[in-house]
């Protein structure tokens, strides 16, 4: 559960960063277009889309990390389930009598980590796809009218 808590903090930080960065890019699109033109003049990029990619590298990376963390959260939840079930059956195996309460506590804990993992993964995936689509719209905006 500690690992899931850490993942949740990172997901929240990335979501805030992405939302803030998108607002900055959209609000300063004229200035960004000027910086892109300057990068092209200086030879850092051969076309507008390439220059946009250079300008937005950290944003692209953050959007991708949301996807990675969604997958990691899902797998951490699954790992918690497997470990919890293993512990529950281990207690039953050590016990002289097979009591339902012995198993129920471990399974409850196991399912709780799965729920926590999914509660992190689902919003992270939604954010990833929303930010990815928003990024693609910006790519189209900055590459509009490009000839080469």
N, C-alpha and C. Protein backbone atom coordinates (compact mmCIF):
# COMPACT_ATOMS: atom_id res chain seq x y z
N UNK A 1 0.82 -1.20 0.00
CA UNK A 1 0.00 0.00 0.00
C UNK A 1 0.86 1.26 0.00
N UNK A 2 2.04 1.18 0.60
CA UNK A 2 2.93 2.33 0.62
C UNK A 2 3.36 2.70 -0.82
N UNK A 3 3.65 1.68 -1.62
CA UNK A 3 4.03 1.93 -3.01
C UNK A 3 2.88 2.58 -3.77
N UNK A 4 1.65 2.15 -3.51
CA UNK A 4 0.50 2.75 -4.16
C UNK A 4 0.31 4.21 -3.72
N UNK A 5 0.60 4.49 -2.46
CA UNK A 5 0.51 5.87 -1.98
C UNK A 5 1.53 6.75 -2.71
N UNK A 6 2.73 6.24 -2.89
CA UNK A 6 3.77 6.98 -3.61
C UNK A 6 3.36 7.22 -5.06
N UNK A 7 2.83 6.19 -5.70
CA UNK A 7 2.37 6.32 -7.09
C UNK A 7 1.27 7.36 -7.19
N UNK A 8 0.37 7.38 -6.20
CA UNK A 8 -0.73 8.35 -6.24
C UNK A 8 -0.21 9.79 -6.15
N UNK A 9 0.81 10.01 -5.35
CA UNK A 9 1.39 11.35 -5.24
C UNK A 9 2.03 11.77 -6.57
N UNK A 10 2.74 10.85 -7.20
CA UNK A 10 3.39 11.16 -8.47
C UNK A 10 2.34 11.41 -9.56
N UNK A 11 1.28 10.62 -9.58
CA UNK A 11 0.21 10.82 -10.57
C UNK A 11 -0.41 12.20 -10.39
N UNK A 12 -0.69 12.57 -9.15
CA UNK A 12 -1.27 13.89 -8.88
C UNK A 12 -0.34 15.01 -9.32
N UNK A 13 0.94 14.87 -9.01
CA UNK A 13 1.92 15.89 -9.40
C UNK A 13 2.00 16.01 -10.93
N UNK A 14 2.02 14.88 -11.62
CA UNK A 14 2.07 14.91 -13.09
C UNK A 14 0.81 15.53 -13.68
N UNK A 15 -0.34 15.21 -13.11
CA UNK A 15 -1.60 15.77 -13.62
C UNK A 15 -1.61 17.29 -13.46
N UNK A 16 -1.14 17.77 -12.31
CA UNK A 16 -1.08 19.22 -12.09
C UNK A 16 -0.09 19.86 -13.05
N UNK A 17 1.07 19.23 -13.23
CA UNK A 17 2.08 19.76 -14.15
C UNK A 17 1.51 19.84 -15.57
N UNK A 18 0.89 18.75 -16.04
CA UNK A 18 0.35 18.73 -17.40
C UNK A 18 -0.71 19.80 -17.60
N UNK A 19 -1.64 19.90 -16.66
CA UNK A 19 -2.71 20.89 -16.79
C UNK A 19 -2.13 22.30 -16.82
N UNK A 20 -1.17 22.56 -15.96
CA UNK A 20 -0.53 23.88 -15.92
C UNK A 20 0.23 24.17 -17.20
N UNK A 21 0.99 23.20 -17.67
CA UNK A 21 1.81 23.39 -18.89
C UNK A 21 0.93 23.58 -20.12
N UNK A 22 -0.17 22.82 -20.20
CA UNK A 22 -1.09 23.02 -21.34
C UNK A 22 -1.66 24.43 -21.32
N UNK A 23 -2.05 24.90 -20.14
CA UNK A 23 -2.59 26.26 -20.05
C UNK A 23 -1.55 27.28 -20.49
N UNK A 24 -0.29 27.07 -20.07
CA UNK A 24 0.78 27.99 -20.45
C UNK A 24 0.99 28.00 -21.96
N UNK A 25 1.03 26.82 -22.56
CA UNK A 25 1.25 26.72 -24.01
C UNK A 25 0.10 27.36 -24.77
N UNK A 26 -1.12 27.06 -24.35
CA UNK A 26 -2.27 27.60 -25.06
C UNK A 26 -2.38 29.12 -24.89
N UNK A 27 -2.02 29.62 -23.69
CA UNK A 27 -2.09 31.06 -23.45
C UNK A 27 -0.97 31.81 -24.18
N UNK A 28 0.15 31.16 -24.37
CA UNK A 28 1.31 31.83 -24.98
C UNK A 28 1.62 31.25 -26.35
N UNK A 29 0.58 30.88 -27.08
CA UNK A 29 0.83 30.24 -28.37
C UNK A 29 1.55 31.16 -29.34
N UNK A 30 1.31 32.46 -29.28
CA UNK A 30 1.99 33.40 -30.18
C UNK A 30 3.48 33.43 -29.85
N UNK A 31 3.81 33.54 -28.54
CA UNK A 31 5.22 33.55 -28.15
C UNK A 31 5.89 32.21 -28.48
N UNK A 32 5.16 31.12 -28.30
CA UNK A 32 5.75 29.82 -28.60
C UNK A 32 6.00 29.69 -30.10
N UNK A 33 5.09 30.18 -30.90
CA UNK A 33 5.31 30.15 -32.35
C UNK A 33 6.57 30.94 -32.72
N UNK A 34 6.80 32.07 -32.02
CA UNK A 34 8.01 32.85 -32.28
C UNK A 34 9.26 32.07 -31.87
N UNK A 35 9.21 31.39 -30.71
CA UNK A 35 10.36 30.58 -30.28
C UNK A 35 10.61 29.43 -31.25
N UNK A 36 9.54 28.87 -31.77
CA UNK A 36 9.67 27.79 -32.75
C UNK A 36 10.35 28.31 -34.01
N UNK A 37 9.91 29.49 -34.49
CA UNK A 37 10.53 30.07 -35.67
C UNK A 37 12.01 30.33 -35.42
N UNK A 38 12.35 30.77 -34.22
CA UNK A 38 13.75 31.04 -33.87
C UNK A 38 14.55 29.73 -33.87
N UNK A 39 13.99 28.66 -33.34
CA UNK A 39 14.68 27.35 -33.35
C UNK A 39 14.94 26.89 -34.79
N UNK A 40 13.98 27.14 -35.66
CA UNK A 40 14.16 26.76 -37.07
C UNK A 40 15.27 27.59 -37.69
N UNK A 41 15.26 28.91 -37.42
CA UNK A 41 16.31 29.79 -37.96
C UNK A 41 17.69 29.38 -37.46
N UNK A 42 17.78 28.95 -36.20
CA UNK A 42 19.07 28.57 -35.62
C UNK A 42 19.49 27.15 -36.03
N UNK A 43 18.61 26.45 -36.75
CA UNK A 43 18.96 25.12 -37.22
C UNK A 43 18.73 24.01 -36.19
N UNK A 44 18.06 24.31 -35.07
CA UNK A 44 17.80 23.28 -34.07
C UNK A 44 16.70 22.33 -34.52
N UNK A 45 15.85 22.76 -35.42
CA UNK A 45 14.78 21.92 -35.96
C UNK A 45 14.60 22.29 -37.42
N UNK A 46 14.21 21.31 -38.21
CA UNK A 46 14.08 21.56 -39.64
C UNK A 46 12.68 22.01 -40.03
N UNK A 47 11.72 21.85 -39.15
CA UNK A 47 10.36 22.28 -39.46
C UNK A 47 9.61 22.62 -38.17
N UNK A 48 8.43 23.20 -38.33
CA UNK A 48 7.67 23.67 -37.17
C UNK A 48 7.32 22.56 -36.20
N UNK A 49 6.89 21.42 -36.71
CA UNK A 49 6.49 20.32 -35.82
C UNK A 49 7.67 19.84 -35.00
N UNK A 50 8.83 19.73 -35.62
CA UNK A 50 10.03 19.33 -34.89
C UNK A 50 10.39 20.32 -33.80
N UNK A 51 10.24 21.60 -34.11
CA UNK A 51 10.52 22.63 -33.12
C UNK A 51 9.50 22.58 -31.99
N UNK A 52 8.24 22.32 -32.33
CA UNK A 52 7.22 22.18 -31.29
C UNK A 52 7.56 21.01 -30.37
N UNK A 53 8.02 19.91 -30.94
CA UNK A 53 8.40 18.74 -30.13
C UNK A 53 9.53 19.11 -29.17
N UNK A 54 10.50 19.89 -29.65
CA UNK A 54 11.58 20.33 -28.78
C UNK A 54 11.06 21.21 -27.64
N UNK A 55 10.15 22.11 -27.97
CA UNK A 55 9.59 23.03 -26.97
C UNK A 55 8.75 22.29 -25.93
N UNK A 56 8.16 21.18 -26.31
CA UNK A 56 7.20 20.52 -25.42
C UNK A 56 7.67 19.14 -24.96
N UNK A 57 8.97 18.91 -24.98
CA UNK A 57 9.52 17.60 -24.62
C UNK A 57 9.12 17.16 -23.21
N UNK A 58 9.22 18.04 -22.23
CA UNK A 58 8.88 17.65 -20.86
C UNK A 58 7.39 17.37 -20.71
N UNK A 59 6.56 18.08 -21.45
CA UNK A 59 5.12 17.83 -21.40
C UNK A 59 4.80 16.46 -21.99
N UNK A 60 5.39 16.16 -23.14
CA UNK A 60 5.17 14.83 -23.76
C UNK A 60 5.59 13.73 -22.81
N UNK A 61 6.72 13.91 -22.17
CA UNK A 61 7.23 12.92 -21.24
C UNK A 61 6.27 12.74 -20.06
N UNK A 62 5.77 13.82 -19.52
CA UNK A 62 4.84 13.74 -18.39
C UNK A 62 3.56 13.02 -18.77
N UNK A 63 3.06 13.29 -19.98
CA UNK A 63 1.84 12.61 -20.45
C UNK A 63 2.09 11.10 -20.56
N UNK A 64 3.24 10.72 -21.06
CA UNK A 64 3.56 9.29 -21.17
C UNK A 64 3.72 8.64 -19.79
N UNK A 65 4.30 9.38 -18.84
CA UNK A 65 4.48 8.82 -17.50
C UNK A 65 3.15 8.55 -16.82
N UNK A 66 2.11 9.29 -17.16
CA UNK A 66 0.78 8.98 -16.62
C UNK A 66 0.35 7.59 -17.06
N UNK A 67 0.63 7.24 -18.31
CA UNK A 67 0.30 5.90 -18.80
C UNK A 67 1.11 4.84 -18.07
N UNK A 68 2.40 5.08 -17.93
CA UNK A 68 3.26 4.11 -17.24
C UNK A 68 2.80 3.89 -15.80
N UNK A 69 2.48 4.98 -15.11
CA UNK A 69 2.08 4.87 -13.71
C UNK A 69 0.72 4.19 -13.56
N UNK A 70 -0.16 4.38 -14.54
CA UNK A 70 -1.44 3.67 -14.51
C UNK A 70 -1.20 2.16 -14.57
N UNK A 71 -0.30 1.74 -15.44
CA UNK A 71 0.02 0.32 -15.53
C UNK A 71 0.70 -0.18 -14.27
N UNK A 72 1.59 0.62 -13.73
CA UNK A 72 2.30 0.24 -12.50
C UNK A 72 1.31 0.11 -11.34
N UNK A 73 0.36 1.04 -11.23
CA UNK A 73 -0.63 0.98 -10.15
C UNK A 73 -1.48 -0.28 -10.26
N UNK A 74 -1.86 -0.63 -11.47
CA UNK A 74 -2.65 -1.85 -11.68
C UNK A 74 -1.86 -3.07 -11.23
N UNK A 75 -0.60 -3.14 -11.63
CA UNK A 75 0.23 -4.29 -11.26
C UNK A 75 0.54 -4.32 -9.77
N UNK A 76 0.72 -3.16 -9.14
CA UNK A 76 0.93 -3.14 -7.69
C UNK A 76 -0.31 -3.63 -6.95
N UNK A 77 -1.47 -3.25 -7.44
CA UNK A 77 -2.72 -3.74 -6.85
C UNK A 77 -2.84 -5.25 -6.98
N UNK A 78 -2.50 -5.76 -8.14
CA UNK A 78 -2.53 -7.21 -8.36
C UNK A 78 -1.51 -7.92 -7.47
N UNK A 79 -0.32 -7.33 -7.34
CA UNK A 79 0.69 -7.92 -6.47
C UNK A 79 0.20 -7.96 -5.03
N UNK A 80 -0.45 -6.89 -4.59
CA UNK A 80 -1.02 -6.87 -3.24
C UNK A 80 -2.05 -7.97 -3.05
N UNK A 81 -2.86 -8.21 -4.08
CA UNK A 81 -3.85 -9.28 -4.00
C UNK A 81 -3.18 -10.64 -3.85
N UNK A 82 -2.22 -10.90 -4.67
CA UNK A 82 -1.53 -12.19 -4.63
C UNK A 82 -0.84 -12.40 -3.28
N UNK A 83 -0.17 -11.37 -2.79
CA UNK A 83 0.51 -11.49 -1.49
C UNK A 83 -0.49 -11.68 -0.35
N UNK A 84 -1.60 -10.97 -0.41
CA UNK A 84 -2.62 -11.11 0.63
C UNK A 84 -3.24 -12.49 0.65
N UNK A 85 -3.54 -13.02 -0.52
CA UNK A 85 -4.11 -14.37 -0.60
C UNK A 85 -3.08 -15.39 -0.13
N UNK A 86 -1.84 -15.22 -0.53
CA UNK A 86 -0.78 -16.13 -0.09
C UNK A 86 -0.67 -16.12 1.44
N UNK A 87 -0.71 -14.93 2.03
CA UNK A 87 -0.62 -14.83 3.49
C UNK A 87 -1.82 -15.49 4.16
N UNK A 88 -3.01 -15.28 3.61
CA UNK A 88 -4.22 -15.88 4.19
C UNK A 88 -4.13 -17.40 4.17
N UNK A 89 -3.75 -17.96 3.06
CA UNK A 89 -3.64 -19.42 2.97
C UNK A 89 -2.48 -19.94 3.81
N UNK A 90 -1.42 -19.14 3.97
CA UNK A 90 -0.32 -19.53 4.84
C UNK A 90 -0.77 -19.63 6.29
N UNK A 91 -1.62 -18.68 6.73
CA UNK A 91 -2.15 -18.74 8.10
C UNK A 91 -3.04 -19.95 8.30
N UNK A 92 -3.84 -20.27 7.28
CA UNK A 92 -4.71 -21.44 7.38
C UNK A 92 -3.87 -22.71 7.44
N UNK A 93 -2.82 -22.77 6.65
CA UNK A 93 -1.96 -23.96 6.63
C UNK A 93 -1.27 -24.16 7.97
N UNK A 94 -0.90 -23.08 8.65
CA UNK A 94 -0.23 -23.19 9.95
C UNK A 94 -1.21 -23.46 11.08
N UNK A 95 -2.46 -23.13 10.87
CA UNK A 95 -3.48 -23.31 11.90
C UNK A 95 -3.90 -24.78 11.95
N UNK A 96 -4.29 -25.23 13.14
CA UNK A 96 -4.76 -26.61 13.30
C UNK A 96 -6.16 -26.77 12.75
N UNK A 97 -6.91 -25.72 12.78
CA UNK A 97 -8.27 -25.80 12.27
C UNK A 97 -8.47 -24.75 11.18
N UNK A 98 -9.22 -25.09 10.20
CA UNK A 98 -9.47 -24.19 9.09
C UNK A 98 -10.67 -23.30 9.43
N UNK A 99 -10.37 -22.07 9.84
CA UNK A 99 -11.41 -21.14 10.25
C UNK A 99 -11.59 -20.10 9.14
N UNK A 100 -12.83 -19.86 8.82
CA UNK A 100 -13.14 -18.89 7.76
C UNK A 100 -12.59 -17.50 8.09
N UNK A 101 -12.59 -17.12 9.34
CA UNK A 101 -12.08 -15.81 9.74
C UNK A 101 -10.60 -15.66 9.41
N UNK A 102 -9.85 -16.76 9.50
CA UNK A 102 -8.42 -16.73 9.16
C UNK A 102 -8.22 -16.31 7.71
N UNK A 103 -9.03 -16.87 6.84
CA UNK A 103 -8.91 -16.59 5.41
C UNK A 103 -9.52 -15.23 5.07
N UNK A 104 -10.64 -14.90 5.68
CA UNK A 104 -11.37 -13.68 5.32
C UNK A 104 -10.53 -12.43 5.54
N UNK A 105 -9.78 -12.36 6.63
CA UNK A 105 -8.96 -11.17 6.89
C UNK A 105 -7.91 -10.94 5.83
N UNK A 106 -7.23 -12.00 5.43
CA UNK A 106 -6.20 -11.89 4.39
C UNK A 106 -6.78 -11.53 3.04
N UNK A 107 -7.91 -12.14 2.72
CA UNK A 107 -8.53 -11.86 1.42
C UNK A 107 -9.06 -10.42 1.40
N UNK A 108 -9.60 -9.95 2.52
CA UNK A 108 -10.07 -8.56 2.60
C UNK A 108 -8.92 -7.60 2.33
N UNK A 109 -7.79 -7.86 2.95
CA UNK A 109 -6.62 -7.01 2.73
C UNK A 109 -6.15 -7.10 1.29
N UNK A 110 -6.18 -8.29 0.73
CA UNK A 110 -5.74 -8.48 -0.65
C UNK A 110 -6.63 -7.71 -1.63
N UNK A 111 -7.92 -7.80 -1.44
CA UNK A 111 -8.85 -7.12 -2.33
C UNK A 111 -8.74 -5.60 -2.17
N UNK A 112 -8.43 -5.15 -0.97
CA UNK A 112 -8.27 -3.71 -0.73
C UNK A 112 -7.14 -3.13 -1.58
N UNK A 113 -6.04 -3.86 -1.71
CA UNK A 113 -4.95 -3.33 -2.54
C UNK A 113 -5.33 -3.33 -4.01
N UNK A 114 -6.11 -4.30 -4.43
CA UNK A 114 -6.57 -4.30 -5.82
C UNK A 114 -7.45 -3.09 -6.08
N UNK A 115 -8.36 -2.83 -5.17
CA UNK A 115 -9.26 -1.67 -5.32
C UNK A 115 -8.44 -0.38 -5.35
N UNK A 116 -7.47 -0.25 -4.46
CA UNK A 116 -6.63 0.95 -4.44
C UNK A 116 -5.86 1.10 -5.75
N UNK A 117 -5.30 0.01 -6.25
CA UNK A 117 -4.57 0.06 -7.52
C UNK A 117 -5.46 0.49 -8.67
N UNK A 118 -6.66 -0.05 -8.73
CA UNK A 118 -7.59 0.32 -9.80
C UNK A 118 -8.09 1.75 -9.65
N UNK A 119 -8.28 2.19 -8.40
CA UNK A 119 -8.71 3.57 -8.17
C UNK A 119 -7.64 4.57 -8.59
N UNK A 120 -6.40 4.15 -8.62
CA UNK A 120 -5.33 5.00 -9.14
C UNK A 120 -5.21 4.87 -10.65
N UNK A 121 -5.28 3.64 -11.13
CA UNK A 121 -5.03 3.38 -12.55
C UNK A 121 -6.09 3.99 -13.45
N UNK A 122 -7.34 3.88 -13.07
CA UNK A 122 -8.43 4.36 -13.95
C UNK A 122 -8.34 5.88 -14.17
N UNK A 123 -8.25 6.70 -13.12
CA UNK A 123 -8.11 8.14 -13.39
C UNK A 123 -6.82 8.49 -14.12
N UNK A 124 -5.73 7.76 -13.82
CA UNK A 124 -4.46 8.04 -14.51
C UNK A 124 -4.60 7.75 -16.00
N UNK A 125 -5.29 6.68 -16.36
CA UNK A 125 -5.52 6.38 -17.78
C UNK A 125 -6.40 7.43 -18.44
N UNK A 126 -7.44 7.85 -17.75
CA UNK A 126 -8.32 8.88 -18.30
C UNK A 126 -7.53 10.17 -18.53
N UNK A 127 -6.72 10.55 -17.53
CA UNK A 127 -5.89 11.76 -17.68
C UNK A 127 -4.90 11.60 -18.83
N UNK A 128 -4.26 10.43 -18.92
CA UNK A 128 -3.30 10.22 -20.00
C UNK A 128 -3.95 10.42 -21.36
N UNK A 129 -5.10 9.77 -21.58
CA UNK A 129 -5.74 9.87 -22.89
C UNK A 129 -6.26 11.28 -23.16
N UNK A 130 -6.77 11.96 -22.15
CA UNK A 130 -7.24 13.33 -22.34
C UNK A 130 -6.07 14.26 -22.67
N UNK A 131 -4.97 14.14 -21.92
CA UNK A 131 -3.80 14.97 -22.18
C UNK A 131 -3.14 14.60 -23.50
N UNK A 132 -3.13 13.32 -23.85
CA UNK A 132 -2.54 12.90 -25.12
C UNK A 132 -3.31 13.53 -26.29
N UNK A 133 -4.65 13.49 -26.20
CA UNK A 133 -5.46 14.07 -27.27
C UNK A 133 -5.28 15.59 -27.33
N UNK A 134 -5.17 16.21 -26.17
CA UNK A 134 -4.94 17.66 -26.13
C UNK A 134 -3.60 18.00 -26.75
N UNK A 135 -2.60 17.18 -26.48
CA UNK A 135 -1.27 17.38 -27.06
C UNK A 135 -1.32 17.23 -28.58
N UNK A 136 -2.05 16.23 -29.05
CA UNK A 136 -2.16 16.04 -30.51
C UNK A 136 -2.84 17.22 -31.18
N UNK A 137 -3.84 17.81 -30.50
CA UNK A 137 -4.47 19.00 -31.07
C UNK A 137 -3.47 20.16 -31.16
N UNK A 138 -2.62 20.29 -30.14
CA UNK A 138 -1.58 21.33 -30.19
C UNK A 138 -0.59 21.05 -31.31
N UNK A 139 -0.22 19.79 -31.51
CA UNK A 139 0.67 19.45 -32.61
C UNK A 139 0.07 19.89 -33.94
N UNK A 140 -1.22 19.62 -34.11
CA UNK A 140 -1.88 20.03 -35.36
C UNK A 140 -1.89 21.56 -35.50
N UNK A 141 -2.13 22.24 -34.41
CA UNK A 141 -2.14 23.71 -34.44
C UNK A 141 -0.79 24.26 -34.85
N UNK A 142 0.28 23.71 -34.28
CA UNK A 142 1.62 24.24 -34.55
C UNK A 142 2.19 23.74 -35.89
N UNK A 143 1.62 22.68 -36.45
CA UNK A 143 2.12 22.21 -37.73
C UNK A 143 1.23 22.66 -38.89
N UNK A 144 0.14 23.36 -38.59
CA UNK A 144 -0.79 23.79 -39.64
C UNK A 144 -0.10 24.66 -40.67
N UNK A 145 -0.32 24.31 -41.89
CA UNK A 145 0.23 25.09 -42.99
C UNK A 145 1.69 24.81 -43.29
N UNK A 146 2.26 23.82 -42.64
CA UNK A 146 3.69 23.52 -42.86
C UNK A 146 3.87 22.85 -44.21
N UNK A 147 4.92 23.21 -44.92
CA UNK A 147 5.14 22.66 -46.26
C UNK A 147 6.28 21.65 -46.29
N UNK A 148 7.08 21.55 -45.27
CA UNK A 148 8.18 20.64 -45.37
C UNK A 148 8.71 20.25 -44.14
